Structures are given as C-alpha cells and as structure tokens.
Amino acid sequence: MLAILYDIHGNRPALEAVMDDARRRGADRWLLGGDYAAFGAWPIECFELLRDGLGDAATWIRGNWERWQAEPGAVPDAEVVQTAAAWVRGALGSEVVARLGALPASAVIDGTLFVHASPGSDIEPIPETAGEDDDQLLSGVAERRVVFGHTHVQFARRSASGVDLVNSGSVGLPWDGDRRAAYATVGEDGGVALHRVDYDWKAAGHAIEALGEPWSATTAERLREARFDV
C-alpha cells in the first residue's frame, strides 16, 4: 500500500498520527508531496522523522515552500510568509534547505502523476470543482490519475477528459473546516482512499503560538479553525 502525505508544515503530532494510522492500514511505500516544514513548531523534527523513519520506502517531491526556502528572492512579499520563510530556513539549516530545494517537482508511481499543486506549477492549484481551467492545467498529462495537494482541502473528482484528480489534503494544516490530519492511500487494487486522523491539534496550536514569531499567531488560529480565511 502506498501512503500519500502532503503539506505536513512542521506539525509533528499530526505527522506521527498519520504515519501510525497508515502503517496500521498496511502502508509500506510512501509518497511525500512537499511543504514539509514551514509554519510548524517542529520543522527539523518532521524532516528527520520522514528521512529516518521511512528511508528508501519514500519518494519525495518538492513543494512551493521547499523552492522558496532555497530561493529566498522568490518568497512572496507578505509579512507572514516572509517571516515564516526566514524562521524555517534558520531552523532547518543550509544543508537541509539545499537538499529539499533540489527535490524533483513531480514523480510517477504505478501510472499516477504526483505533483504539488498542478502539473505545470507548484502554486497554481487544481480546483475542487470542475471548470474551464481543467484542460489547461492538465495539458500534456499522459497519466489517467493526478494526485496533488497545496490547497489543504481534501477531495477527489474526475475531469471532463476522464483524468482522476485527487487532493490528499494537508497532514499538518487542513483548511477544509475539519481539524483532523488528512492523507490518502493507494491500495493493492489501485484504488484511492481518503483518510482523516484525530490528533492533539490544541497542543499543536499552542506550540506554534508559543514561538512568538510574527507569523505564528496567524498560523495557530488557522490551525484551530481549520480554515485559511480567519
């Protein structure tokens, strides 16, 4: 079974809960979809847990945050994002920042394309509802399934052209109104299942807020409400 983890965002309690749940379900392979460290209280701990705990069983791809960490000039000009980027770079250290920034932008496993936001971008998302942009976003895609994250909203649908689209949701910072950690699996039959896992989100919120950084109060509130627009 392949476990699919996106948008961990430095939330160790959520990551540990998801890894435990996935292993109970029989996961023996892992796809890690980016945004591993930023906005959480445990950035280096999450990286080390993934690196040491999963080893060669994991396939890693890069998210927009890994790119921003390695290319500070690309970070959007917003105080919350700028200060979070500076903090996480310091927490990870230059060697880990460089390693994560050098990850590939996509991977293909068993005929499924894995990207961070959409096939051509780690920022432009595939929306939850079908629209005219689907064909453009999926242009050039040969695979019949695309798995992604980035929006922190878990869903699955099919495009008009017949491509299965799966957003596995966010492990560490869901924004769909459900505080539980989100991830997905692909079973031996090739079917995709979406999962939610309870964890101590209150403790995670307190740990983020206690950092006292310019970005941490906003992030803690988003975690507690499970929404971006707070």
Protein backbone atom coordinates (compact mmCIF):
# COMPACT_ATOMS: atom_id res chain seq x y z
CA MET A 1 0.00 0.00 0.00
CA LEU A 2 1.19 3.48 -0.89
CA ALA A 3 0.56 6.24 1.69
CA ILE A 4 0.36 9.80 0.32
CA LEU A 5 1.34 12.66 2.62
CA TYR A 6 1.18 16.30 1.57
CA ASP A 7 1.53 19.64 3.35
CA ILE A 8 2.88 18.49 6.70
CA HIS A 9 4.01 22.01 7.58
CA GLY A 10 6.15 21.14 10.57
CA ASN A 11 3.32 19.62 12.60
CA ARG A 12 4.94 16.65 14.33
CA PRO A 13 1.88 15.42 16.31
CA ALA A 14 -0.18 15.30 13.13
CA LEU A 15 2.61 13.59 11.19
CA GLU A 16 3.13 10.94 13.86
CA ALA A 17 -0.61 10.22 13.98
CA VAL A 18 -0.81 9.86 10.20
CA MET A 19 2.26 7.63 9.97
CA ASP A 20 0.89 5.37 12.70
CA ASP A 21 -2.51 5.18 11.02
CA ALA A 22 -1.03 4.45 7.61
CA ARG A 23 1.15 1.68 8.98
CA ARG A 24 -1.85 0.10 10.67
CA ARG A 25 -3.55 0.06 7.29
CA GLY A 26 -0.56 -1.72 5.78
CA ALA A 27 1.42 1.10 4.17
CA ASP A 28 4.86 0.00 3.04
CA ARG A 29 5.56 2.74 0.49
CA TRP A 30 5.25 6.50 0.86
CA LEU A 31 4.83 9.46 -1.44
CA LEU A 32 5.78 12.75 0.20
CA GLY A 33 4.26 15.68 -1.66
CA GLY A 34 6.06 18.77 -0.38
CA ASP A 35 5.69 21.61 2.12
CA TYR A 36 7.33 19.62 4.90
CA ALA A 37 8.46 22.20 7.45
CA ALA A 38 7.23 25.79 7.16
CA PHE A 39 4.56 27.18 9.52
CA GLY A 40 5.01 24.49 12.15
CA ALA A 41 6.71 24.30 15.53
CA TRP A 42 8.75 21.18 14.61
CA PRO A 43 10.35 21.78 11.19
CA ILE A 44 13.59 19.83 11.57
CA GLU A 45 11.91 17.14 13.68
CA CYS A 46 9.41 16.44 10.88
CA PHE A 47 12.15 16.29 8.26
CA GLU A 48 14.18 13.86 10.38
CA LEU A 49 11.14 11.71 11.16
CA LEU A 50 10.44 11.33 7.45
CA ARG A 51 14.08 10.80 6.49
CA ASP A 52 14.98 8.36 9.25
CA GLY A 53 11.61 6.70 9.72
CA LEU A 54 10.81 6.00 6.07
CA GLY A 55 14.21 5.71 4.41
CA ASP A 56 14.23 4.18 0.93
CA ALA A 57 10.50 3.41 1.12
CA ALA A 58 9.70 7.10 0.50
CA THR A 59 9.58 9.08 -2.73
CA TRP A 60 9.94 12.83 -2.13
CA ILE A 61 8.87 15.73 -4.33
CA ARG A 62 9.25 19.46 -3.81
CA GLY A 63 6.53 21.90 -2.81
CA ASN A 64 6.45 25.66 -3.20
CA TRP A 65 7.88 26.08 0.29
CA GLU A 66 10.95 23.97 -0.49
CA ARG A 67 11.54 26.17 -3.54
CA TRP A 68 11.04 29.37 -1.54
CA GLN A 69 13.38 28.20 1.21
CA ALA A 70 16.13 27.55 -1.33
CA GLU A 71 15.39 30.74 -3.31
CA PRO A 72 14.60 33.50 -0.79
CA GLY A 73 14.08 36.00 -3.60
CA ALA A 74 11.05 34.03 -4.77
CA VAL A 75 9.18 34.39 -1.45
CA PRO A 76 6.00 36.49 -1.86
CA ASP A 77 6.09 39.98 -0.37
CA ALA A 78 3.76 39.35 2.57
CA GLU A 79 4.91 39.69 6.19
CA VAL A 80 3.51 36.36 7.39
CA VAL A 81 5.15 34.48 4.51
CA GLN A 82 8.44 36.40 4.61
CA THR A 83 8.93 35.99 8.35
CA ALA A 84 7.90 32.32 8.28
CA ALA A 85 10.37 31.66 5.45
CA ALA A 86 13.24 33.32 7.31
CA TRP A 87 12.45 31.39 10.50
CA VAL A 88 12.18 27.99 8.86
CA ARG A 89 15.41 28.48 6.91
CA GLY A 90 17.19 29.09 10.19
CA ALA A 91 15.52 26.13 11.86
CA LEU A 92 16.38 23.69 9.06
CA GLY A 93 19.91 24.89 8.34
CA SER A 94 21.50 25.46 4.96
CA GLU A 95 22.26 21.78 4.21
CA VAL A 96 18.66 20.61 4.66
CA VAL A 97 17.29 23.67 2.85
CA ALA A 98 19.50 22.87 -0.15
CA ARG A 99 18.58 19.18 -0.07
CA LEU A 100 14.86 19.88 -0.02
CA GLY A 101 15.15 22.59 -2.66
CA ALA A 102 16.84 20.12 -5.02
CA LEU A 103 13.96 17.62 -4.90
CA PRO A 104 12.10 16.93 -8.17
CA ALA A 105 8.85 18.75 -8.85
CA SER A 106 6.96 15.57 -9.75
CA ALA A 107 7.03 11.79 -9.67
CA VAL A 108 5.20 8.99 -11.46
CA ILE A 109 4.40 5.85 -9.49
CA ASP A 110 2.34 2.98 -10.91
CA GLY A 111 0.88 5.20 -13.62
CA THR A 112 -0.12 8.05 -11.29
CA LEU A 113 1.41 11.51 -11.61
CA PHE A 114 2.23 13.21 -8.31
CA VAL A 115 2.75 16.99 -8.25
CA HIS A 116 2.46 19.62 -5.55
CA ALA A 117 -0.25 21.96 -6.87
CA SER A 118 -0.75 21.13 -10.56
CA PRO A 119 1.33 19.55 -13.33
CA GLY A 120 2.84 22.83 -14.51
CA SER A 121 3.11 24.76 -11.26
CA ASP A 122 3.76 24.35 -7.54
CA ILE A 123 1.47 27.35 -6.92
CA GLU A 124 -1.46 27.24 -9.35
CA PRO A 125 -3.96 24.80 -7.84
CA ILE A 126 -6.37 22.33 -9.36
CA PRO A 127 -9.76 23.48 -8.00
CA GLU A 128 -12.23 21.38 -6.07
CA THR A 129 -14.94 21.88 -8.69
CA ALA A 130 -14.60 21.28 -12.42
CA GLY A 131 -14.09 24.31 -14.59
CA GLU A 132 -12.77 25.60 -17.87
CA ASP A 133 -9.22 25.63 -16.49
CA ASP A 134 -9.07 21.84 -16.18
CA ASP A 135 -7.89 21.25 -19.74
CA GLN A 136 -5.21 23.92 -19.45
CA LEU A 137 -3.98 22.67 -16.06
CA LEU A 138 -3.80 19.09 -17.35
CA SER A 139 -2.29 19.92 -20.73
CA GLY A 140 0.32 17.36 -21.73
CA VAL A 141 -0.54 14.93 -18.93
CA ALA A 142 -0.49 11.33 -20.16
CA GLU A 143 -1.40 9.67 -16.85
CA ARG A 144 -5.05 8.95 -16.05
CA ARG A 145 -4.65 9.97 -12.40
CA VAL A 146 -3.06 13.10 -10.92
CA VAL A 147 -2.51 13.45 -7.16
CA PHE A 148 -1.66 16.80 -5.58
CA GLY A 149 -2.12 18.99 -2.51
CA HIS A 150 -1.25 22.65 -1.88
CA THR A 151 -4.77 23.96 -1.16
CA HIS A 152 -5.08 21.96 2.09
CA VAL A 153 -8.59 20.88 1.01
CA GLN A 154 -9.14 17.16 0.56
CA PHE A 155 -11.26 15.99 -2.38
CA ALA A 156 -11.45 13.61 -5.32
CA ARG A 157 -13.18 14.14 -8.66
CA ARG A 158 -12.83 13.32 -12.35
CA SER A 159 -12.06 15.85 -15.05
CA ALA A 160 -14.19 16.17 -18.17
CA SER A 161 -11.43 14.41 -20.10
CA GLY A 162 -11.54 11.43 -17.72
CA VAL A 163 -8.49 12.13 -15.54
CA ASP A 164 -8.94 11.18 -11.89
CA LEU A 165 -7.95 14.12 -9.70
CA VAL A 166 -7.11 13.56 -6.04
CA ASN A 167 -6.17 16.18 -3.47
CA SER A 168 -4.90 14.21 -0.48
CA GLY A 169 -5.42 17.18 1.85
CA SER A 170 -3.00 18.51 4.43
CA VAL A 171 -1.42 16.42 7.16
CA GLY A 172 -0.47 19.37 9.34
CA LEU A 173 -2.68 22.34 8.46
CA PRO A 174 -6.10 21.44 6.99
CA TRP A 175 -8.21 24.31 5.63
CA ASP A 176 -11.45 22.50 4.86
CA GLY A 177 -13.12 23.00 8.24
CA ASP A 178 -12.03 19.59 9.55
CA ARG A 179 -9.16 19.82 12.07
CA ARG A 180 -8.17 16.18 11.65
CA ALA A 181 -4.98 15.38 9.76
CA ALA A 182 -5.61 14.36 6.15
CA TYR A 183 -3.85 11.90 3.88
CA ALA A 184 -4.60 9.31 1.20
CA THR A 185 -3.64 5.77 0.26
CA VAL A 186 -3.49 3.71 -2.90
CA GLY A 187 -4.33 0.09 -2.25
CA GLU A 188 -3.06 -3.04 -3.97
CA ASP A 189 -6.09 -2.88 -6.27
CA GLY A 190 -5.09 0.61 -7.41
CA GLY A 191 -7.99 2.32 -5.69
CA VAL A 192 -7.54 5.60 -3.82
CA ALA A 193 -8.92 6.13 -0.31
CA LEU A 194 -9.05 9.43 1.58
CA HIS A 195 -8.44 9.36 5.35
CA ARG A 196 -8.72 11.67 8.35
CA VAL A 197 -6.93 11.10 11.65
CA ASP A 198 -7.52 12.65 15.06
CA TYR A 199 -4.55 14.14 16.90
CA ASP A 200 -3.95 16.76 19.59
CA TRP A 201 -4.45 19.83 17.43
CA LYS A 202 -4.86 22.03 20.51
CA ALA A 203 -1.34 21.20 21.67
CA ALA A 204 0.00 21.83 18.18
CA GLY A 205 -1.69 25.23 18.11
CA HIS A 206 -0.27 26.18 21.50
CA ALA A 207 3.24 25.14 20.41
CA ILE A 208 3.06 27.29 17.28
CA GLU A 209 1.69 30.31 19.14
CA ALA A 210 4.35 29.97 21.86
CA LEU A 211 7.07 30.61 19.30
CA GLY A 212 6.12 34.28 19.46
CA GLU A 213 7.06 34.90 15.83
CA PRO A 214 5.28 37.41 13.55
CA TRP A 215 3.66 34.54 11.64
CA SER A 216 2.87 32.16 14.49
CA ALA A 217 -0.32 33.68 15.93
CA THR A 218 -1.97 33.74 12.50
CA THR A 219 -0.90 30.18 11.78
CA ALA A 220 -2.14 28.91 15.15
CA GLU A 221 -5.56 30.45 14.51
CA ARG A 222 -5.73 28.88 11.05
CA LEU A 223 -4.88 25.50 12.56
CA ARG A 224 -7.52 25.83 15.30
CA GLU A 225 -10.25 26.88 12.86
CA ALA A 226 -9.06 24.58 10.06
CA ARG A 227 -9.52 27.46 7.65
CA PHE A 228 -7.26 29.89 5.84
CA ASP A 229 -9.66 32.85 5.93
CA VAL A 230 -9.58 33.69 9.64
